[in-house]
Amino acid sequence: MRVALYARYSTDKQDELSLEVQLAHCRAEIKKLGWTETHCFTDQAQSAATLHRPGMQSLISVAKSGQVDVVYADAMDRLSRSQGDIATLFEQLRFRNVQLVTRAEGPLNALLVGLKGTMNADALAVISTKTRDALRHRFQLGQNPGGIAYGYRTKIEHDARGERIRGLVEIDPAQAQIVIRIFEEYVAGRSPDAIAKQLNREAIPAPRSGKRDKKPGVVPAMWAANTITGNAQRGTGLLNNIRYIGLRPFEKQQFRKNPETGRRHSFVNPADKQQQPIKVPELRIVSDELWQAVKARQEKLSTGPRSTIQKTARRPFWEQQRPRYLLSGKMTCGECGSAFAKGGKHRFRCQGSAKKGEAFCTNRLSVRQDDLDRRILAGLQNELMQAEVLDAFQEEYAVETARLSKLSDSLRPVHEREHAEVAEKLSMLKSAIMKGVDPTMFVEEMNQLLARQQTLESQLAINDVDTHVGDIVLQPDLAALYHSKISALTDAFEDEALRAEAFEKIRELIAGVVFVPEGDELAIHLRGELVSILELCACSDTKKPPVGLTEEALQIKLVAGAGFEPATFRL
């Protein structure tokens, strides 16, 4: 039986080791059953309220393509806590004759899915309700019920017992000056876009930039026009935040997830469900005169010529979800990491530079859509899958496989020794308890030892799994075969009758495109998607890729993809 494993943990406050623990338990069970692990998918810091998670979507895709016989997880709530989603997943897998099994519940059937799905959904609803009740209680006590708005900071105070009082905030003098400056410049006639760019040029930290700074490799948040204007009707944006005039709002809006996309959307609560804002004059930053001047300018702009233009009808849902251009969602700026998107009728440009100014990104170059498509298609056909690249990839793959195998062998003795030491300490504590020593003296120590023992056992279970993938032998004529396939796809892309199908297949071959300014020119770096390339070469024009080849391609990507990118080239 071919098995796809799945593991997930919910928030970034949880330990990534929980994924290894889940997978170790699952691997131990499928080993007892004599099943073979062919795929493994994980989602880190992802909610179970939706199936729109990268790992889950990859799992569903593999199951649909007939590459597995069993989907195995530690428990059903790892797959989903949504009653509707777990039922949909179960039906999709059953339709394709794929078993859904968990370590906690065993093989799932319709009755168990319905029962446990209801219980998990109810648990999610209870957590949500308790959270809202706790925030409402904090609001009624006169404390801050949610996040801290720009211009304020946490106030540290303790009660008579020495415990910290939650929900207290105070004015941050430095940020308050920036708030007043933004209000005054807006009243003076400057546009939000000009204000945001000037703040970025002066390197003034934007809202939420502190949280981003704590994450390595993440670009700090920058000022944008929407940060300032927001939505006047919803009360979002600095210019509409009533906290600045000494009022604290609560429950103005709520968030719900779209079941089609898994994304959160905000909805304004009815008036009878909104809490009346409470007065907190000690937190006022903006005077009434300045506030009213801002509202007057907003009203004047909202009644201008643009407001009389009838809004165009929204595109249907299915048109909104499909990529409109060949590289939609795959283009990034090599200077700042922002998305490249439409910056005119026929041109793409860096959105970070366009919206946040040159202080954020100096890449002001753009590229025409038709020229970009032409260069990408030519690059896929002429530059990718050269013989020397394939040779370098096979060599790197062999080196990486050997390194992983050696690392696993070297860590096992260390884990075994520590496991024996922990077991001995636990045995000594048990003996002391059996002799009459008060067990409450050892509760904390025993809990720590048991937790460490579980972690070590998980590590040993992982080491027991044979991670050696073996030597991958690619077809000797792979390069020539690829070039003939991509040539046919390029011809189909130019044919209106075949364009839609070719459009999707070409997009699958592209992992990403990076635009790097080099003087007055915009260099384009294209990274191919190795798995899709191997699948393209393995299948005929009408058949799906063989299961064996797809599994081999995924193994290649897992082992060598993280440190080696054989399908990257410059156009």
Protein backbone atom coordinates (compact mmCIF):
# COMPACT_ATOMS: atom_id res chain seq x y z
CA MET A 1 0.00 0.00 0.00
CA ARG A 2 1.40 3.39 -1.00
CA VAL A 3 0.96 5.87 1.82
CA ALA A 4 1.00 9.69 1.91
CA LEU A 5 1.67 11.06 5.41
CA TYR A 6 0.30 14.38 6.61
CA ALA A 7 1.17 16.43 9.71
CA ARG A 8 0.23 19.93 10.88
CA TYR A 9 0.53 22.28 13.83
CA SER A 10 -1.59 25.37 14.36
CA THR A 11 0.37 28.47 15.34
CA ASP A 12 3.87 29.89 15.14
CA LYS A 13 3.97 29.71 18.96
CA GLN A 14 4.07 25.92 18.82
CA ASP A 15 7.23 23.87 18.47
CA GLU A 16 8.15 22.65 14.99
CA LEU A 17 9.23 19.44 16.68
CA SER A 18 5.54 18.51 16.96
CA LEU A 19 5.63 17.77 13.23
CA GLU A 20 8.47 15.29 13.72
CA VAL A 21 6.63 13.67 16.62
CA GLN A 22 3.47 13.23 14.55
CA LEU A 23 5.37 11.83 11.58
CA ALA A 24 7.44 9.50 13.76
CA HIS A 25 4.30 8.01 15.32
CA CYS A 26 2.69 7.59 11.89
CA ARG A 27 5.80 5.96 10.41
CA ALA A 28 5.99 3.52 13.27
CA GLU A 29 2.37 2.47 12.69
CA ILE A 30 2.59 2.07 8.91
CA LYS A 31 5.79 0.06 9.39
CA LYS A 32 3.84 -2.40 11.57
CA LEU A 33 1.18 -2.64 8.85
CA GLY A 34 3.77 -3.29 6.15
CA TRP A 35 2.80 -0.21 4.16
CA THR A 36 5.24 1.97 2.19
CA GLU A 37 5.60 5.72 2.61
CA THR A 38 5.78 7.38 -0.79
CA HIS A 39 4.91 10.97 0.06
CA CYS A 40 5.01 13.26 3.08
CA PHE A 41 3.26 16.63 3.40
CA THR A 42 3.31 19.12 6.28
CA ASP A 43 1.79 22.49 7.15
CA GLN A 44 3.47 24.70 9.75
CA ALA A 45 1.52 27.33 11.73
CA GLN A 46 -1.60 26.67 9.65
CA SER A 47 -5.18 26.67 10.96
CA ALA A 48 -7.37 23.57 10.61
CA ALA A 49 -10.40 25.73 9.84
CA THR A 50 -9.75 25.47 6.09
CA LEU A 51 -8.25 23.04 3.57
CA HIS A 52 -6.49 25.89 1.75
CA ARG A 53 -3.04 25.06 3.10
CA PRO A 54 -0.01 24.42 0.86
CA GLY A 55 0.71 20.95 2.23
CA MET A 56 -2.94 19.89 2.19
CA GLN A 57 -3.43 21.09 -1.38
CA SER A 58 -0.34 19.14 -2.48
CA LEU A 59 -1.70 16.06 -0.71
CA ILE A 60 -5.06 16.36 -2.47
CA SER A 61 -3.32 16.83 -5.83
CA VAL A 62 -1.23 13.68 -5.34
CA ALA A 63 -4.29 11.69 -4.28
CA LYS A 64 -6.25 12.87 -7.33
CA SER A 65 -3.45 11.77 -9.65
CA GLY A 66 -3.64 8.18 -8.32
CA GLN A 67 -0.20 8.10 -6.74
CA VAL A 68 -1.28 6.82 -3.30
CA ASP A 69 -3.59 4.21 -1.82
CA VAL A 70 -3.77 5.58 1.74
CA VAL A 71 -3.68 9.02 3.36
CA TYR A 72 -2.41 8.70 6.94
CA ALA A 73 -2.36 11.31 9.74
CA ASP A 74 -1.88 11.28 13.50
CA ALA A 75 -5.48 12.32 14.22
CA MET A 76 -8.49 13.63 12.33
CA ASP A 77 -8.16 17.14 13.75
CA ARG A 78 -4.72 17.35 12.11
CA LEU A 79 -6.50 17.10 8.74
CA SER A 80 -9.31 19.55 9.48
CA ARG A 81 -11.54 20.86 12.25
CA SER A 82 -14.20 21.94 9.77
CA GLN A 83 -17.16 19.59 9.57
CA GLY A 84 -17.76 20.41 5.93
CA ASP A 85 -14.09 20.23 4.90
CA ILE A 86 -13.38 16.85 6.50
CA ALA A 87 -16.52 15.40 4.87
CA THR A 88 -15.47 16.83 1.48
CA LEU A 89 -11.95 15.44 1.84
CA PHE A 90 -13.32 12.02 2.81
CA GLU A 91 -15.66 11.93 -0.20
CA GLN A 92 -12.94 13.08 -2.60
CA LEU A 93 -10.58 10.34 -1.43
CA ARG A 94 -13.27 7.66 -1.38
CA PHE A 95 -14.24 8.55 -4.96
CA ARG A 96 -10.64 7.81 -5.98
CA ASN A 97 -10.51 4.64 -3.89
CA VAL A 98 -8.00 6.15 -1.44
CA GLN A 99 -8.34 5.16 2.23
CA LEU A 100 -8.28 7.83 4.93
CA VAL A 101 -6.64 6.50 8.10
CA THR A 102 -5.47 8.14 11.35
CA ARG A 103 -3.42 6.76 14.19
CA ALA A 104 -5.96 7.92 16.77
CA GLU A 105 -9.21 6.85 15.07
CA GLY A 106 -8.06 4.12 12.68
CA PRO A 107 -9.69 3.73 9.24
CA LEU A 108 -12.33 6.44 8.82
CA ASN A 109 -15.86 5.76 7.61
CA ALA A 110 -18.83 8.02 6.93
CA LEU A 111 -20.25 7.63 10.45
CA LEU A 112 -16.94 8.39 12.17
CA VAL A 113 -16.26 11.35 9.87
CA GLY A 114 -19.68 12.79 10.65
CA LEU A 115 -19.38 12.26 14.40
CA LYS A 116 -15.79 13.41 14.89
CA GLY A 117 -16.20 16.18 12.34
CA THR A 118 -19.09 17.58 14.37
CA MET A 119 -17.08 17.30 17.60
CA ASN A 120 -14.03 19.03 16.10
CA ALA A 121 -16.14 21.79 14.55
CA ASP A 122 -17.88 22.29 17.89
CA ALA A 123 -14.51 22.50 19.67
CA LEU A 124 -13.41 25.18 17.19
CA ALA A 125 -16.63 27.13 17.76
CA VAL A 126 -16.21 26.88 21.56
CA ILE A 127 -12.66 28.26 21.34
CA SER A 128 -13.88 31.13 19.17
CA THR A 129 -16.75 31.94 21.53
CA LYS A 130 -14.55 31.87 24.63
CA THR A 131 -12.02 34.15 22.96
CA ARG A 132 -14.70 36.71 22.04
CA ASP A 133 -16.21 36.53 25.55
CA ALA A 134 -12.79 37.13 27.14
CA LEU A 135 -12.14 40.13 24.88
CA ARG A 136 -15.61 41.53 25.58
CA HIS A 137 -15.02 41.21 29.33
CA ARG A 138 -11.70 43.03 28.99
CA PHE A 139 -13.43 45.82 27.03
CA GLN A 140 -16.10 46.17 29.73
CA LEU A 141 -13.36 46.53 32.34
CA GLY A 142 -12.00 49.51 30.42
CA GLN A 143 -8.99 47.64 29.10
CA ASN A 144 -7.71 47.27 25.55
CA PRO A 145 -9.45 44.21 24.04
CA GLY A 146 -7.32 43.68 20.94
CA GLY A 147 -4.09 44.63 19.24
CA ILE A 148 -2.23 47.86 19.93
CA ALA A 149 -2.80 50.62 17.36
CA TYR A 150 0.02 52.73 15.97
CA GLY A 151 0.71 55.59 18.36
CA TYR A 152 0.38 53.48 21.51
CA ARG A 153 2.43 50.95 23.46
CA THR A 154 1.90 48.41 26.20
CA LYS A 155 1.66 49.81 29.71
CA ILE A 156 3.20 47.63 32.40
CA GLU A 157 1.42 47.64 35.77
CA HIS A 158 0.95 45.00 38.47
CA ASP A 159 -1.87 44.32 40.88
CA ALA A 160 -1.63 43.83 44.65
CA ARG A 161 -0.57 40.21 44.17
CA GLY A 162 2.29 41.21 41.90
CA GLU A 163 0.64 39.84 38.75
CA ARG A 164 0.73 41.85 35.56
CA ILE A 165 -2.53 43.61 34.59
CA ARG A 166 -3.38 42.73 30.99
CA GLY A 167 -4.90 45.08 28.43
CA LEU A 168 -3.28 48.35 29.50
CA VAL A 169 -1.88 50.77 26.90
CA GLU A 170 -0.42 54.25 26.91
CA ILE A 171 0.57 56.84 24.31
CA ASP A 172 3.91 56.31 22.58
CA PRO A 173 5.23 59.91 22.30
CA ALA A 174 7.42 59.30 19.22
CA GLN A 175 4.69 57.53 17.26
CA ALA A 176 2.07 60.06 18.41
CA GLN A 177 4.11 62.83 16.76
CA ILE A 178 4.05 60.89 13.48
CA VAL A 179 0.26 60.48 13.75
CA ILE A 180 -0.22 64.23 14.23
CA ARG A 181 2.17 64.94 11.36
CA ILE A 182 0.19 62.67 9.00
CA PHE A 183 -3.09 64.36 9.95
CA GLU A 184 -1.62 67.85 9.47
CA GLU A 185 0.00 67.06 6.12
CA TYR A 186 -3.22 65.49 4.84
CA VAL A 187 -5.21 68.58 5.84
CA ALA A 188 -2.57 70.75 4.15
CA GLY A 189 -3.33 69.00 0.84
CA ARG A 190 -0.64 66.35 0.49
CA SER A 191 -1.77 63.03 -0.95
CA PRO A 192 -1.55 59.85 1.16
CA ASP A 193 0.80 58.40 -1.46
CA ALA A 194 3.21 61.36 -1.13
CA ILE A 195 3.04 61.21 2.67
CA ALA A 196 3.82 57.48 2.70
CA LYS A 197 6.79 57.83 0.36
CA GLN A 198 8.24 60.68 2.40
CA LEU A 199 7.97 58.65 5.63
CA ASN A 200 9.75 55.75 3.91
CA ARG A 201 12.52 58.07 2.68
CA GLU A 202 13.05 59.21 6.27
CA ALA A 203 13.21 55.54 7.39
CA ILE A 204 10.38 56.01 9.91
CA PRO A 205 9.15 52.55 11.03
CA ALA A 206 5.66 51.70 9.79
CA PRO A 207 2.90 49.98 11.80
CA ARG A 208 3.64 46.30 12.51
CA SER A 209 7.25 46.69 11.35
CA GLY A 210 8.46 45.51 14.76
CA LYS A 211 6.89 42.06 14.39
CA ARG A 212 8.43 41.64 10.94
CA ASP A 213 11.87 42.63 12.21
CA LYS A 214 11.80 39.67 14.59
CA LYS A 215 11.47 37.25 11.67
CA PRO A 216 14.77 36.65 9.85
CA GLY A 217 14.67 37.12 6.10
CA VAL A 218 11.35 39.03 6.15
CA VAL A 219 11.32 42.52 4.62
CA PRO A 220 10.22 45.10 7.26
CA ALA A 221 6.79 46.66 6.79
CA MET A 222 6.78 50.01 4.98
CA TRP A 223 4.34 52.88 4.75
CA ALA A 224 1.75 52.72 1.96
CA ALA A 225 -1.10 55.01 0.98
CA ASN A 226 -3.65 52.47 2.17
CA THR A 227 -1.99 52.42 5.61
CA ILE A 228 -3.02 56.05 5.95
CA THR A 229 -6.40 56.16 4.19
CA GLY A 230 -7.80 52.69 4.91
CA ASN A 231 -11.59 52.51 4.57
CA ALA A 232 -13.53 55.42 6.02
CA GLN A 233 -16.80 53.47 6.27
CA ARG A 234 -15.14 50.65 8.23
CA GLY A 235 -13.00 52.95 10.33
CA THR A 236 -9.69 51.47 9.18
CA GLY A 237 -6.53 53.41 8.36
CA LEU A 238 -4.79 56.05 10.48
CA LEU A 239 -7.05 58.87 9.31
CA ASN A 240 -10.18 57.03 10.46
CA ASN A 241 -9.02 55.55 13.77
CA ILE A 242 -11.30 57.00 16.48
CA ARG A 243 -8.80 55.93 19.14
CA TYR A 244 -6.86 59.07 18.26
CA ILE A 245 -9.74 61.25 19.58
CA GLY A 246 -10.02 59.30 22.83
CA LEU A 247 -12.65 56.67 21.89
CA ARG A 248 -12.13 52.92 22.13
CA PRO A 249 -14.24 50.86 19.67
CA PHE A 250 -15.10 47.19 19.90
CA GLU A 251 -16.92 44.66 17.69
CA LYS A 252 -17.32 47.04 14.77
CA GLN A 253 -16.59 44.18 12.41
CA GLN A 254 -16.06 40.46 12.38
CA PHE A 255 -13.97 38.15 10.24
CA ARG A 256 -15.18 35.05 8.42
CA LYS A 257 -13.30 32.67 6.17
CA ASN A 258 -14.41 32.17 2.60
CA PRO A 259 -14.87 28.37 2.23
CA GLU A 260 -13.88 28.62 -1.44
CA THR A 261 -10.50 30.27 -0.86
CA GLY A 262 -9.77 29.89 2.87
CA ARG A 263 -9.08 33.63 3.14
CA ARG A 264 -10.45 35.83 5.90
CA HIS A 265 -12.82 38.65 4.97
CA SER A 266 -14.09 41.40 7.24
CA PHE A 267 -17.79 42.22 7.60
CA VAL A 268 -19.25 45.23 9.39
CA ASN A 269 -21.45 44.14 12.27
CA PRO A 270 -25.05 45.37 12.42
CA ALA A 271 -25.50 48.41 14.63
CA ASP A 272 -27.28 46.42 17.36
CA LYS A 273 -24.28 44.08 17.69
CA GLN A 274 -21.64 46.81 17.92
CA GLN A 275 -20.44 47.90 21.33
CA GLN A 276 -20.76 51.61 22.02
CA PRO A 277 -17.26 53.13 22.03
CA ILE A 278 -16.07 54.12 25.49
CA LYS A 279 -14.28 57.36 26.26
CA VAL A 280 -10.58 57.17 27.13
CA PRO A 281 -9.49 60.83 27.15
CA GLU A 282 -6.05 59.96 28.48
CA LEU A 283 -5.36 58.23 25.14
CA ARG A 284 -6.33 61.16 22.90
CA ILE A 285 -3.64 62.13 20.34
CA VAL A 286 -5.49 64.28 17.78
CA SER A 287 -7.50 67.41 18.62
CA ASP A 288 -11.15 67.75 17.58
CA GLU A 289 -10.28 70.60 15.19
CA LEU A 290 -7.67 68.53 13.34
CA TRP A 291 -9.97 65.49 13.24
CA GLN A 292 -12.85 67.50 11.77
CA ALA A 293 -10.53 69.07 9.19
CA VAL A 294 -9.52 65.58 8.01
CA LYS A 295 -13.16 64.49 7.80
CA ALA A 296 -14.01 67.62 5.82
CA ARG A 297 -11.32 66.90 3.24
CA GLN A 298 -12.37 63.24 2.98
CA GLU A 299 -15.97 64.35 2.40
CA LYS A 300 -14.89 66.82 -0.25
CA LEU A 301 -12.86 64.20 -2.11
CA SER A 302 -15.63 61.60 -1.88
CA THR A 303 -18.11 63.95 -3.61
CA GLY A 304 -15.74 64.76 -6.49
CA PRO A 305 -16.10 63.66 -10.12
CA ARG A 306 -14.84 60.12 -9.46
CA SER A 307 -17.68 59.33 -7.07
CA THR A 308 -20.24 59.90 -9.84
CA ILE A 309 -18.69 57.26 -12.09
CA GLN A 310 -20.73 54.10 -11.92
CA LYS A 311 -18.74 51.17 -10.62
CA THR A 312 -18.24 48.32 -13.07
CA ALA A 313 -19.78 44.99 -12.23
CA ARG A 314 -17.52 42.59 -10.42
CA ARG A 315 -16.09 39.76 -12.44
CA PRO A 316 -17.57 36.33 -11.67
CA PHE A 317 -15.85 34.28 -8.96
CA TRP A 318 -14.31 31.79 -11.37
CA GLU A 319 -12.74 34.58 -13.44
CA GLN A 320 -11.27 36.18 -10.33
CA GLN A 321 -9.49 32.98 -9.33
CA ARG A 322 -7.93 32.01 -12.64
CA PRO A 323 -4.61 33.68 -13.50
CA ARG A 324 -5.13 36.38 -16.08
CA TYR A 325 -1.58 36.48 -17.41
CA LEU A 326 1.02 33.81 -18.10
CA LEU A 327 3.12 34.81 -15.07
CA SER A 328 0.42 36.01 -12.67
CA GLY A 329 1.49 35.36 -9.07
CA LYS A 330 4.95 34.11 -10.10
CA MET A 331 6.84 37.41 -10.54
CA THR A 332 8.92 39.11 -7.83
CA CYS A 333 11.34 42.01 -7.70
CA GLY A 334 14.96 41.01 -7.15
CA GLU A 335 15.61 44.29 -5.35
CA CYS A 336 12.97 44.19 -2.58
CA GLY A 337 11.04 40.92 -2.96
CA SER A 338 7.70 42.62 -3.72
CA ALA A 339 5.37 41.34 -6.40
CA PHE A 340 5.69 42.44 -10.01
CA ALA A 341 2.23 43.27 -11.34
CA LYS A 342 0.44 45.47 -13.84
CA GLY A 343 1.68 49.07 -13.66
CA GLY A 344 -0.07 50.38 -16.75
CA LYS A 345 -2.14 49.00 -19.59
CA HIS A 346 0.58 46.81 -21.08
CA ARG A 347 3.49 46.86 -18.59
CA PHE A 348 4.56 45.09 -15.39
CA ARG A 349 6.53 46.84 -12.64
CA CYS A 350 7.56 46.44 -8.99
CA GLN A 351 4.61 47.13 -6.69
CA GLY A 352 6.84 47.92 -3.74
CA SER A 353 8.52 50.75 -5.62
CA ALA A 354 5.23 51.98 -7.10
CA LYS A 355 3.32 52.10 -3.81
CA LYS A 356 6.03 52.83 -1.23
CA GLY A 357 8.57 54.88 -3.15
CA GLU A 358 12.28 54.69 -3.88
CA ALA A 359 13.14 54.56 -0.17
CA PHE A 360 11.65 51.07 -0.16
CA CYS A 361 12.83 49.93 -3.59
CA THR A 362 14.91 51.67 -6.29
CA ASN A 363 13.76 49.34 -9.07
CA ARG A 364 11.72 51.71 -11.28
CA LEU A 365 12.11 49.69 -14.49
CA SER A 366 9.16 48.00 -16.20
CA VAL A 367 8.62 45.45 -18.96
CA ARG A 368 5.95 45.07 -21.63
CA GLN A 369 3.66 42.06 -21.30
CA ASP A 370 4.07 40.85 -24.89
CA ASP A 371 7.87 41.20 -24.71
CA LEU A 372 7.95 39.33 -21.40
CA ASP A 373 5.86 36.42 -22.71
CA ARG A 374 8.08 36.17 -25.78
CA ARG A 375 11.29 36.10 -23.73
CA ILE A 376 9.90 33.54 -21.27
CA LEU A 377 8.76 31.16 -24.01
CA ALA A 378 12.09 31.51 -25.82
CA GLY A 379 13.96 30.87 -22.59
CA LEU A 380 11.95 27.74 -21.78
CA GLN A 381 12.62 26.41 -25.25
CA ASN A 382 16.28 27.32 -25.71
CA GLU A 383 17.94 27.64 -22.30
CA LEU A 384 16.42 25.08 -19.95
CA MET A 385 17.57 21.47 -19.44
CA GLN A 386 21.04 21.80 -20.96
CA ALA A 387 23.22 18.68 -20.71
CA GLU A 388 25.79 20.29 -18.40
CA VAL A 389 23.02 21.37 -16.01
CA LEU A 390 21.65 17.83 -15.80
CA ASP A 391 25.13 16.43 -15.08
CA ALA A 392 25.70 18.99 -12.32
CA PHE A 393 22.31 18.18 -10.81
CA GLN A 394 22.93 14.42 -10.64
CA GLU A 395 26.29 15.03 -8.99
CA GLU A 396 24.80 17.43 -6.41
CA TYR A 397 21.93 15.03 -5.72
CA ALA A 398 24.34 12.19 -4.92
CA VAL A 399 26.38 14.42 -2.57
CA GLU A 400 23.29 15.63 -0.70
CA THR A 401 21.90 12.10 -0.31
CA ALA A 402 25.19 10.90 1.17
CA ARG A 403 25.29 13.88 3.56
CA LEU A 404 21.79 13.20 4.90
CA SER A 405 22.54 9.54 5.42
CA LYS A 406 25.78 10.31 7.28
CA LEU A 407 24.07 12.90 9.49
CA SER A 408 21.37 10.43 10.50
CA ASP A 409 23.95 7.76 11.40
CA SER A 410 26.05 10.18 13.48
CA LEU A 411 23.14 11.41 15.62
CA ARG A 412 21.74 8.01 16.54
CA PRO A 413 24.37 7.06 19.21
CA VAL A 414 23.89 10.45 20.89
CA HIS A 415 20.13 9.99 21.07
CA GLU A 416 20.46 6.41 22.31
CA ARG A 417 22.79 7.41 25.16
CA GLU A 418 20.55 10.22 26.32
CA HIS A 419 17.48 8.01 26.05
CA ALA A 420 19.12 5.43 28.32
CA GLU A 421 20.05 8.14 30.84
CA VAL A 422 16.49 9.48 30.92
CA ALA A 423 15.06 5.98 31.34
CA GLU A 424 17.42 5.35 34.26
CA LYS A 425 16.40 8.58 36.01
CA LEU A 426 12.74 7.74 35.59
CA SER A 427 13.35 4.29 37.01
CA MET A 428 15.07 5.78 40.07
CA LEU A 429 12.16 8.15 40.68
CA LYS A 430 9.66 5.30 40.40
CA SER A 431 11.65 3.24 42.89
CA ALA A 432 11.66 6.14 45.36
CA ILE A 433 7.89 6.49 45.05
CA MET A 434 7.42 2.73 45.58
CA LYS A 435 9.44 3.04 48.79
CA GLY A 436 7.02 5.61 50.17
CA VAL A 437 8.56 8.94 49.16
CA ASP A 438 5.95 11.64 48.54
CA PRO A 439 5.35 11.57 44.74
CA THR A 440 4.34 15.26 44.64
CA MET A 441 8.00 16.11 45.20
CA PHE A 442 8.87 14.71 41.75
CA VAL A 443 5.90 15.83 39.62
CA GLU A 444 7.67 18.62 37.73
CA GLU A 445 10.88 16.62 37.24
CA MET A 446 8.99 13.54 36.02
CA ASN A 447 6.97 15.61 33.54
CA GLN A 448 10.17 17.08 32.11
CA LEU A 449 11.81 13.66 31.83
CA LEU A 450 8.74 12.10 30.21
CA ALA A 451 8.55 14.92 27.68
CA ARG A 452 12.24 14.52 26.85
CA GLN A 453 11.83 10.75 26.58
CA GLN A 454 9.01 11.19 24.07
CA THR A 455 11.13 13.60 22.02
CA LEU A 456 14.09 11.21 21.96
CA GLU A 457 11.89 8.27 20.99
CA SER A 458 10.54 10.33 18.10
CA GLN A 459 14.08 11.15 16.98
CA LEU A 460 15.07 7.49 17.14
CA ALA A 461 11.97 6.53 15.17
CA ILE A 462 12.93 9.05 12.52
CA ASN A 463 16.47 7.62 12.38
CA ASP A 464 15.00 4.13 11.92
CA VAL A 465 13.35 5.21 8.68
CA ASP A 466 15.58 4.52 5.73
CA THR A 467 16.13 7.99 4.26
CA HIS A 468 18.41 6.76 1.50
CA VAL A 469 16.56 7.40 -1.72
CA GLY A 470 19.07 5.72 -3.97
CA ASP A 471 20.71 6.75 -7.18
CA ILE A 472 18.36 8.44 -9.62
CA VAL A 473 19.06 7.68 -13.23
CA LEU A 474 17.55 10.21 -15.63
CA GLN A 475 16.68 9.33 -19.20
CA PRO A 476 19.70 9.82 -21.49
CA ASP A 477 17.62 11.71 -24.08
CA LEU A 478 15.80 13.85 -21.51
CA ALA A 479 17.05 17.19 -22.87
CA ALA A 480 16.03 16.44 -26.46
CA LEU A 481 12.69 15.07 -25.32
CA TYR A 482 12.03 18.20 -23.26
CA HIS A 483 12.84 20.54 -26.13
CA SER A 484 10.42 18.75 -28.47
CA LYS A 485 7.67 18.91 -25.83
CA ILE A 486 8.16 22.61 -25.07
CA SER A 487 8.25 23.40 -28.78
CA ALA A 488 4.83 21.77 -29.18
CA LEU A 489 3.52 23.71 -26.19
CA THR A 490 4.81 27.00 -27.61
CA ASP A 491 3.04 26.33 -30.91
CA ALA A 492 -0.17 25.48 -29.03
CA PHE A 493 0.08 28.73 -27.04
CA GLU A 494 -0.03 30.69 -30.29
CA ASP A 495 -3.15 28.80 -31.41
CA GLU A 496 -6.36 30.33 -30.00
CA ALA A 497 -8.12 26.95 -29.94
CA LEU A 498 -5.34 25.32 -27.87
CA ARG A 499 -4.14 28.35 -25.89
CA ALA A 500 -6.09 27.64 -22.67
CA GLU A 501 -4.64 24.15 -22.16
CA ALA A 502 -1.12 25.21 -23.18
CA PHE A 503 -1.41 28.23 -20.86
CA GLU A 504 -1.86 25.99 -17.78
CA LYS A 505 0.88 23.53 -18.77
CA ILE A 506 3.42 26.30 -19.38
CA ARG A 507 2.58 27.91 -16.02
CA GLU A 508 3.24 24.56 -14.29
CA LEU A 509 6.78 24.54 -15.71
CA ILE A 510 7.59 27.93 -14.13
CA ALA A 511 8.42 28.06 -10.42
CA GLY A 512 9.08 31.79 -10.38
CA VAL A 513 10.47 34.79 -12.24
CA VAL A 514 12.74 37.40 -10.62
CA PHE A 515 13.36 40.82 -12.16
CA VAL A 516 16.77 42.32 -11.33
CA PRO A 517 17.73 45.87 -12.43
CA GLU A 518 21.13 46.00 -14.12
CA GLY A 519 21.80 49.61 -15.07
CA ASP A 520 19.07 50.71 -17.45
CA GLU A 521 18.05 47.15 -18.26
CA LEU A 522 15.81 44.69 -16.47
CA ALA A 523 17.39 41.24 -16.25
CA ILE A 524 14.94 38.34 -16.00
CA HIS A 525 15.85 35.23 -14.01
CA LEU A 526 13.52 32.28 -14.61
CA ARG A 527 13.38 29.26 -12.29
CA GLY A 528 11.86 26.10 -13.72
CA GLU A 529 9.72 23.68 -11.71
CA LEU A 530 11.74 20.44 -11.78
CA VAL A 531 8.89 18.04 -10.93
CA SER A 532 6.63 19.42 -13.66
CA ILE A 533 9.49 19.31 -16.17
CA LEU A 534 10.17 15.63 -15.47
CA GLU A 535 6.44 14.86 -15.67
CA LEU A 536 6.18 16.67 -19.00
CA CYS A 537 9.00 14.56 -20.42
CA ALA A 538 7.60 11.30 -19.03
CA CYS A 539 4.08 11.41 -20.43
CA SER A 540 2.58 11.35 -23.87
CA ASP A 541 0.45 14.22 -25.12
CA THR A 542 -2.75 12.59 -23.83
CA LYS A 543 -1.70 10.53 -20.80
CA LYS A 544 -0.77 11.37 -17.24
CA PRO A 545 2.81 10.80 -16.08
CA PRO A 546 3.64 7.31 -14.78
CA VAL A 547 3.32 7.01 -11.00
CA GLY A 548 6.89 5.84 -10.57
CA LEU A 549 8.36 8.81 -12.39
CA THR A 550 6.30 11.31 -10.37
CA GLU A 551 7.40 9.74 -7.09
CA GLU A 552 11.03 9.81 -8.27
CA ALA A 553 10.71 13.45 -9.25
CA LEU A 554 9.30 14.36 -5.85
CA GLN A 555 12.18 12.54 -4.15
CA ILE A 556 14.66 14.53 -6.24
CA LYS A 557 12.98 17.78 -5.27
CA LEU A 558 12.90 16.94 -1.57
CA VAL A 559 16.57 15.96 -1.40
CA ALA A 560 18.21 18.42 -3.75
CA GLY A 561 15.70 21.22 -4.15
CA ALA A 562 16.54 23.07 -0.96
CA GLY A 563 20.19 23.71 -1.79
CA PHE A 564 20.41 23.31 -5.55
CA GLU A 565 18.36 24.91 -8.30
CA PRO A 566 19.30 23.21 -11.58
CA ALA A 567 16.49 24.83 -13.55
CA THR A 568 17.41 28.49 -13.03
CA PHE A 569 18.74 30.66 -15.84
CA ARG A 570 18.96 34.29 -16.93
CA LEU A 571 17.13 35.64 -19.96
